[in-house]
């Protein structure tokens, strides 16, 4: 488990913090994107169905 720490510009400037590598960030972003694909797909499908239902309601009103 990660421990939350409070940091300030002085601790960053004095070298107490280390920067996260760009490769690690890119890898994490790619993993998140892959895991979110089914969620986004389901959301878009539900949104499309909702819009269709709303159009039907307006036409039948």
PDB file of N, CA and C in Angstrom:
ATOM      1  N   UNK A   1       0.846  -1.165   0.000  1.00  0.00           N
ATOM      2  CA  UNK A   1       0.000   0.000   0.000  1.00  0.00           C
ATOM      3  C   UNK A   1       0.897   1.235   0.000  1.00  0.00           C
ATOM      4  N   UNK A   2       0.511   2.216  -0.803  1.00  0.00           N
ATOM      5  CA  UNK A   2       1.283   3.452  -0.867  1.00  0.00           C
ATOM      6  C   UNK A   2       0.969   4.330   0.331  1.00  0.00           C
ATOM      7  N   UNK A   3       2.008   4.956   0.834  1.00  0.00           N
ATOM      8  CA  UNK A   3       1.827   5.888   1.946  1.00  0.00           C
ATOM      9  C   UNK A   3       1.748   7.296   1.372  1.00  0.00           C
ATOM     10  N   UNK A   4       0.710   8.007   1.749  1.00  0.00           N
ATOM     11  CA  UNK A   4       0.570   9.378   1.276  1.00  0.00           C
ATOM     12  C   UNK A   4       1.518  10.273   2.058  1.00  0.00           C
ATOM     13  N   UNK A   5       2.199  11.116   1.327  1.00  0.00           N
ATOM     14  CA  UNK A   5       3.095  12.056   1.983  1.00  0.00           C
ATOM     15  C   UNK A   5       2.777  13.462   1.492  1.00  0.00           C
ATOM     16  N   UNK A   6       3.001  14.413   2.354  1.00  0.00           N
ATOM     17  CA  UNK A   6       2.807  15.808   1.988  1.00  0.00           C
ATOM     18  C   UNK A   6       4.140  16.340   1.494  1.00  0.00           C
ATOM     19  N   UNK A   7       4.101  17.001   0.342  1.00  0.00           N
ATOM     20  CA  UNK A   7       5.352  17.551  -0.159  1.00  0.00           C
ATOM     21  C   UNK A   7       5.131  18.994  -0.592  1.00  0.00           C
ATOM     22  N   UNK A   8       6.222  19.693  -0.672  1.00  0.00           N
ATOM     23  CA  UNK A   8       6.175  21.101  -1.055  1.00  0.00           C
ATOM     24  C   UNK A   8       7.263  21.347  -2.089  1.00  0.00           C
ATOM     25  N   UNK A   9       7.284  22.556  -2.613  1.00  0.00           N
ATOM     26  CA  UNK A   9       8.302  22.882  -3.601  1.00  0.00           C
ATOM     27  C   UNK A   9       9.699  22.791  -3.012  1.00  0.00           C
ATOM     28  N   UNK A  10       9.843  23.092  -1.736  1.00  0.00           N
ATOM     29  CA  UNK A  10      11.180  23.030  -1.138  1.00  0.00           C
ATOM     30  C   UNK A  10      11.683  21.593  -1.080  1.00  0.00           C
ATOM     31  N   UNK A  11      10.792  20.623  -0.795  1.00  0.00           N
ATOM     32  CA  UNK A  11      11.243  19.230  -0.758  1.00  0.00           C
ATOM     33  C   UNK A  11      11.558  18.721  -2.156  1.00  0.00           C
ATOM     34  N   UNK A  12      10.823  19.198  -3.155  1.00  0.00           N
ATOM     35  CA  UNK A  12      11.109  18.798  -4.534  1.00  0.00           C
ATOM     36  C   UNK A  12      12.426  19.411  -4.982  1.00  0.00           C
ATOM     37  N   UNK A  13      12.618  20.671  -4.674  1.00  0.00           N
ATOM     38  CA  UNK A  13      13.838  21.361  -5.093  1.00  0.00           C
ATOM     39  C   UNK A  13      15.079  20.824  -4.396  1.00  0.00           C
ATOM     40  N   UNK A  14      14.939  20.330  -3.179  1.00  0.00           N
ATOM     41  CA  UNK A  14      16.116  19.833  -2.467  1.00  0.00           C
ATOM     42  C   UNK A  14      16.451  18.399  -2.860  1.00  0.00           C
ATOM     43  N   UNK A  15      15.683  17.799  -3.758  1.00  0.00           N
ATOM     44  CA  UNK A  15      16.005  16.473  -4.264  1.00  0.00           C
ATOM     45  C   UNK A  15      15.438  15.335  -3.453  1.00  0.00           C
ATOM     46  N   UNK A  16      14.515  15.610  -2.554  1.00  0.00           N
ATOM     47  CA  UNK A  16      13.932  14.545  -1.747  1.00  0.00           C
ATOM     48  C   UNK A  16      12.926  13.714  -2.540  1.00  0.00           C
ATOM     49  N   UNK A  17      12.418  14.272  -3.622  1.00  0.00           N
ATOM     50  CA  UNK A  17      11.443  13.564  -4.454  1.00  0.00           C
ATOM     51  C   UNK A  17      12.106  13.144  -5.755  1.00  0.00           C
ATOM     52  N   UNK A  18      11.648  12.038  -6.312  1.00  0.00           N
ATOM     53  CA  UNK A  18      12.163  11.599  -7.604  1.00  0.00           C
ATOM     54  C   UNK A  18      11.044  11.676  -8.628  1.00  0.00           C
ATOM     55  N   UNK A  19      11.402  12.059  -9.825  1.00  0.00           N
ATOM     56  CA  UNK A  19      10.419  12.183 -10.902  1.00  0.00           C
ATOM     57  C   UNK A  19      10.057  10.799 -11.429  1.00  0.00           C
ATOM     58  N   UNK A  20       8.822  10.652 -11.852  1.00  0.00           N
ATOM     59  CA  UNK A  20       8.374   9.390 -12.450  1.00  0.00           C
ATOM     60  C   UNK A  20       8.827   9.379 -13.902  1.00  0.00           C
ATOM     61  N   UNK A  21       9.355   8.251 -14.336  1.00  0.00           N
ATOM     62  CA  UNK A  21       9.852   8.134 -15.702  1.00  0.00           C
ATOM     63  C   UNK A  21       8.697   8.231 -16.693  1.00  0.00           C
ATOM     64  N   UNK A  22       8.975   8.844 -17.832  1.00  0.00           N
ATOM     65  CA  UNK A  22       7.955   9.002 -18.875  1.00  0.00           C
ATOM     66  C   UNK A  22       7.479   7.644 -19.385  1.00  0.00           C
ATOM     67  N   UNK A  23       8.380   6.663 -19.423  1.00  0.00           N
ATOM     68  CA  UNK A  23       8.003   5.326 -19.896  1.00  0.00           C
ATOM     69  C   UNK A  23       6.992   4.681 -18.949  1.00  0.00           C
ATOM     70  N   UNK A  24       7.182   4.884 -17.646  1.00  0.00           N
ATOM     71  CA  UNK A  24       6.249   4.329 -16.664  1.00  0.00           C
ATOM     72  C   UNK A  24       4.874   4.970 -16.786  1.00  0.00           C
ATOM     73  N   UNK A  25       4.862   6.271 -17.011  1.00  0.00           N
ATOM     74  CA  UNK A  25       3.583   6.970 -17.183  1.00  0.00           C
ATOM     75  C   UNK A  25       2.885   6.485 -18.442  1.00  0.00           C
ATOM     76  N   UNK A  26       3.634   6.333 -19.526  1.00  0.00           N
ATOM     77  CA  UNK A  26       3.051   5.862 -20.783  1.00  0.00           C
ATOM     78  C   UNK A  26       2.507   4.448 -20.630  1.00  0.00           C
ATOM     79  N   UNK A  27       3.237   3.591 -19.929  1.00  0.00           N
ATOM     80  CA  UNK A  27       2.777   2.213 -19.724  1.00  0.00           C
ATOM     81  C   UNK A  27       1.500   2.191 -18.887  1.00  0.00           C
ATOM     82  N   UNK A  28       1.443   3.002 -17.852  1.00  0.00           N
ATOM     83  CA  UNK A  28       0.241   3.072 -17.019  1.00  0.00           C
ATOM     84  C   UNK A  28      -0.942   3.596 -17.819  1.00  0.00           C
ATOM     85  N   UNK A  29      -0.710   4.623 -18.606  1.00  0.00           N
ATOM     86  CA  UNK A  29      -1.782   5.187 -19.429  1.00  0.00           C
ATOM     87  C   UNK A  29      -2.321   4.155 -20.406  1.00  0.00           C
ATOM     88  N   UNK A  30      -1.433   3.376 -20.993  1.00  0.00           N
ATOM     89  CA  UNK A  30      -1.853   2.347 -21.948  1.00  0.00           C
ATOM     90  C   UNK A  30      -2.674   1.267 -21.250  1.00  0.00           C
ATOM     91  N   UNK A  31      -2.240   0.844 -20.059  1.00  0.00           N
ATOM     92  CA  UNK A  31      -2.993  -0.169 -19.307  1.00  0.00           C
ATOM     93  C   UNK A  31      -4.378   0.343 -18.938  1.00  0.00           C
ATOM     94  N   UNK A  32      -4.443   1.579 -18.499  1.00  0.00           N
ATOM     95  CA  UNK A  32      -5.737   2.166 -18.132  1.00  0.00           C
ATOM     96  C   UNK A  32      -6.641   2.242 -19.351  1.00  0.00           C
ATOM     97  N   UNK A  33      -6.093   2.659 -20.473  1.00  0.00           N
ATOM     98  CA  UNK A  33      -6.877   2.774 -21.709  1.00  0.00           C
ATOM     99  C   UNK A  33      -7.437   1.416 -22.120  1.00  0.00           C
ATOM    100  N   UNK A  34      -6.617   0.378 -22.037  1.00  0.00           N
ATOM    101  CA  UNK A  34      -7.067  -0.966 -22.405  1.00  0.00           C
ATOM    102  C   UNK A  34      -8.158  -1.467 -21.462  1.00  0.00           C
ATOM    103  N   UNK A  35      -7.994  -1.215 -20.170  1.00  0.00           N
ATOM    104  CA  UNK A  35      -8.983  -1.671 -19.189  1.00  0.00           C
ATOM    105  C   UNK A  35     -10.294  -0.903 -19.297  1.00  0.00           C
ATOM    106  N   UNK A  36     -10.233   0.332 -19.745  1.00  0.00           N
ATOM    107  CA  UNK A  36     -11.433   1.164 -19.838  1.00  0.00           C
ATOM    108  C   UNK A  36     -12.213   0.958 -21.132  1.00  0.00           C
ATOM    109  N   UNK A  37     -11.636   0.268 -22.118  1.00  0.00           N
ATOM    110  CA  UNK A  37     -12.324   0.076 -23.397  1.00  0.00           C
ATOM    111  C   UNK A  37     -13.725  -0.494 -23.241  1.00  0.00           C
ATOM    112  N   UNK A  38     -13.913  -1.599 -22.499  1.00  0.00           N
ATOM    113  CA  UNK A  38     -15.282  -2.129 -22.371  1.00  0.00           C
ATOM    114  C   UNK A  38     -16.224  -1.167 -21.651  1.00  0.00           C
ATOM    115  N   UNK A  39     -15.708  -0.421 -20.696  1.00  0.00           N
ATOM    116  CA  UNK A  39     -16.543   0.526 -19.951  1.00  0.00           C
ATOM    117  C   UNK A  39     -17.010   1.647 -20.876  1.00  0.00           C
ATOM    118  N   UNK A  40     -16.095   2.183 -21.662  1.00  0.00           N
ATOM    119  CA  UNK A  40     -16.429   3.263 -22.588  1.00  0.00           C
ATOM    120  C   UNK A  40     -17.399   2.761 -23.644  1.00  0.00           C
ATOM    121  N   UNK A  41     -17.174   1.556 -24.131  1.00  0.00           N
ATOM    122  CA  UNK A  41     -18.055   0.975 -25.146  1.00  0.00           C
ATOM    123  C   UNK A  41     -19.473   0.829 -24.594  1.00  0.00           C
ATOM    124  N   UNK A  42     -19.600   0.326 -23.371  1.00  0.00           N
ATOM    125  CA  UNK A  42     -20.913   0.153 -22.742  1.00  0.00           C
ATOM    126  C   UNK A  42     -21.583   1.507 -22.521  1.00  0.00           C
ATOM    127  N   UNK A  43     -20.811   2.502 -22.096  1.00  0.00           N
ATOM    128  CA  UNK A  43     -21.355   3.839 -21.871  1.00  0.00           C
ATOM    129  C   UNK A  43     -21.896   4.427 -23.175  1.00  0.00           C
ATOM    130  N   UNK A  44     -21.115   4.309 -24.245  1.00  0.00           N
ATOM    131  CA  UNK A  44     -21.555   4.862 -25.530  1.00  0.00           C
ATOM    132  C   UNK A  44     -22.805   4.154 -26.028  1.00  0.00           C
ATOM    133  N   UNK A  45     -22.875   2.846 -25.836  1.00  0.00           N
ATOM    134  CA  UNK A  45     -24.050   2.082 -26.255  1.00  0.00           C
ATOM    135  C   UNK A  45     -25.276   2.530 -25.465  1.00  0.00           C
ATOM    136  N   UNK A  46     -25.130   2.699 -24.166  1.00  0.00           N
ATOM    137  CA  UNK A  46     -26.242   3.157 -23.332  1.00  0.00           C
ATOM    138  C   UNK A  46     -26.657   4.577 -23.695  1.00  0.00           C
ATOM    139  N   UNK A  47     -25.684   5.416 -23.985  1.00  0.00           N
ATOM    140  CA  UNK A  47     -25.995   6.793 -24.358  1.00  0.00           C
ATOM    141  C   UNK A  47     -26.767   6.837 -25.675  1.00  0.00           C
ATOM    142  N   UNK A  48     -26.361   6.021 -26.643  1.00  0.00           N
ATOM    143  CA  UNK A  48     -27.061   5.958 -27.924  1.00  0.00           C
ATOM    144  C   UNK A  48     -28.490   5.483 -27.733  1.00  0.00           C
ATOM    145  N   UNK A  49     -28.676   4.461 -26.920  1.00  0.00           N
ATOM    146  CA  UNK A  49     -30.022   3.952 -26.653  1.00  0.00           C
ATOM    147  C   UNK A  49     -30.869   5.015 -25.961  1.00  0.00           C
ATOM    148  N   UNK A  50     -30.289   5.763 -25.064  1.00  0.00           N
ATOM    149  CA  UNK A  50     -31.010   6.816 -24.357  1.00  0.00           C
ATOM    150  C   UNK A  50     -31.460   7.912 -25.320  1.00  0.00           C
ATOM    151  N   UNK A  51     -30.594   8.289 -26.244  1.00  0.00           N
ATOM    152  CA  UNK A  51     -30.944   9.311 -27.232  1.00  0.00           C
ATOM    153  C   UNK A  51     -32.079   8.814 -28.118  1.00  0.00           C
ATOM    154  N   UNK A  52     -32.021   7.550 -28.517  1.00  0.00           N
ATOM    155  CA  UNK A  52     -33.091   6.981 -29.348  1.00  0.00           C
ATOM    156  C   UNK A  52     -34.414   6.979 -28.593  1.00  0.00           C
ATOM    157  N   UNK A  53     -34.378   6.605 -27.319  1.00  0.00           N
ATOM    158  CA  UNK A  53     -35.600   6.607 -26.510  1.00  0.00           C
ATOM    159  C   UNK A  53     -36.159   8.020 -26.373  1.00  0.00           C
ATOM    160  N   UNK A  54     -35.295   8.988 -26.184  1.00  0.00           N
ATOM    161  CA  UNK A  54     -35.735  10.377 -26.051  1.00  0.00           C
ATOM    162  C   UNK A  54     -36.379  10.857 -27.345  1.00  0.00           C
ATOM    163  N   UNK A  55     -35.822  10.479 -28.484  1.00  0.00           N
ATOM    164  CA  UNK A  55     -36.415  10.865 -29.771  1.00  0.00           C
ATOM    165  C   UNK A  55     -37.797  10.254 -29.928  1.00  0.00           C
ATOM    166  N   UNK A  56     -37.934   8.991 -29.505  1.00  0.00           N
ATOM    167  CA  UNK A  56     -39.239   8.331 -29.591  1.00  0.00           C
ATOM    168  C   UNK A  56     -40.265   9.036 -28.718  1.00  0.00           C
ATOM    169  N   UNK A  57     -39.849   9.435 -27.524  1.00  0.00           N
ATOM    170  CA  UNK A  57     -40.761  10.133 -26.622  1.00  0.00           C
ATOM    171  C   UNK A  57     -41.222  11.459 -27.220  1.00  0.00           C
ATOM    172  N   UNK A  58     -40.295  12.167 -27.851  1.00  0.00           N
ATOM    173  CA  UNK A  58     -40.637  13.457 -28.449  1.00  0.00           C
ATOM    174  C   UNK A  58     -41.590  13.253 -29.620  1.00  0.00           C
ATOM    175  N   UNK A  59     -41.356  12.229 -30.425  1.00  0.00           N
ATOM    176  CA  UNK A  59     -42.217  11.972 -31.580  1.00  0.00           C
ATOM    177  C   UNK A  59     -43.610  11.530 -31.153  1.00  0.00           C
ATOM    178  N   UNK A  60     -43.705  10.802 -30.052  1.00  0.00           N
ATOM    179  CA  UNK A  60     -44.995  10.291 -29.591  1.00  0.00           C
ATOM    180  C   UNK A  60     -45.754  11.299 -28.734  1.00  0.00           C
ATOM    181  N   UNK A  61     -45.142  12.394 -28.383  1.00  0.00           N
ATOM    182  CA  UNK A  61     -45.794  13.369 -27.493  1.00  0.00           C
ATOM    183  C   UNK A  61     -46.884  14.144 -28.190  1.00  0.00           C
TER     184      UNK A  61
END
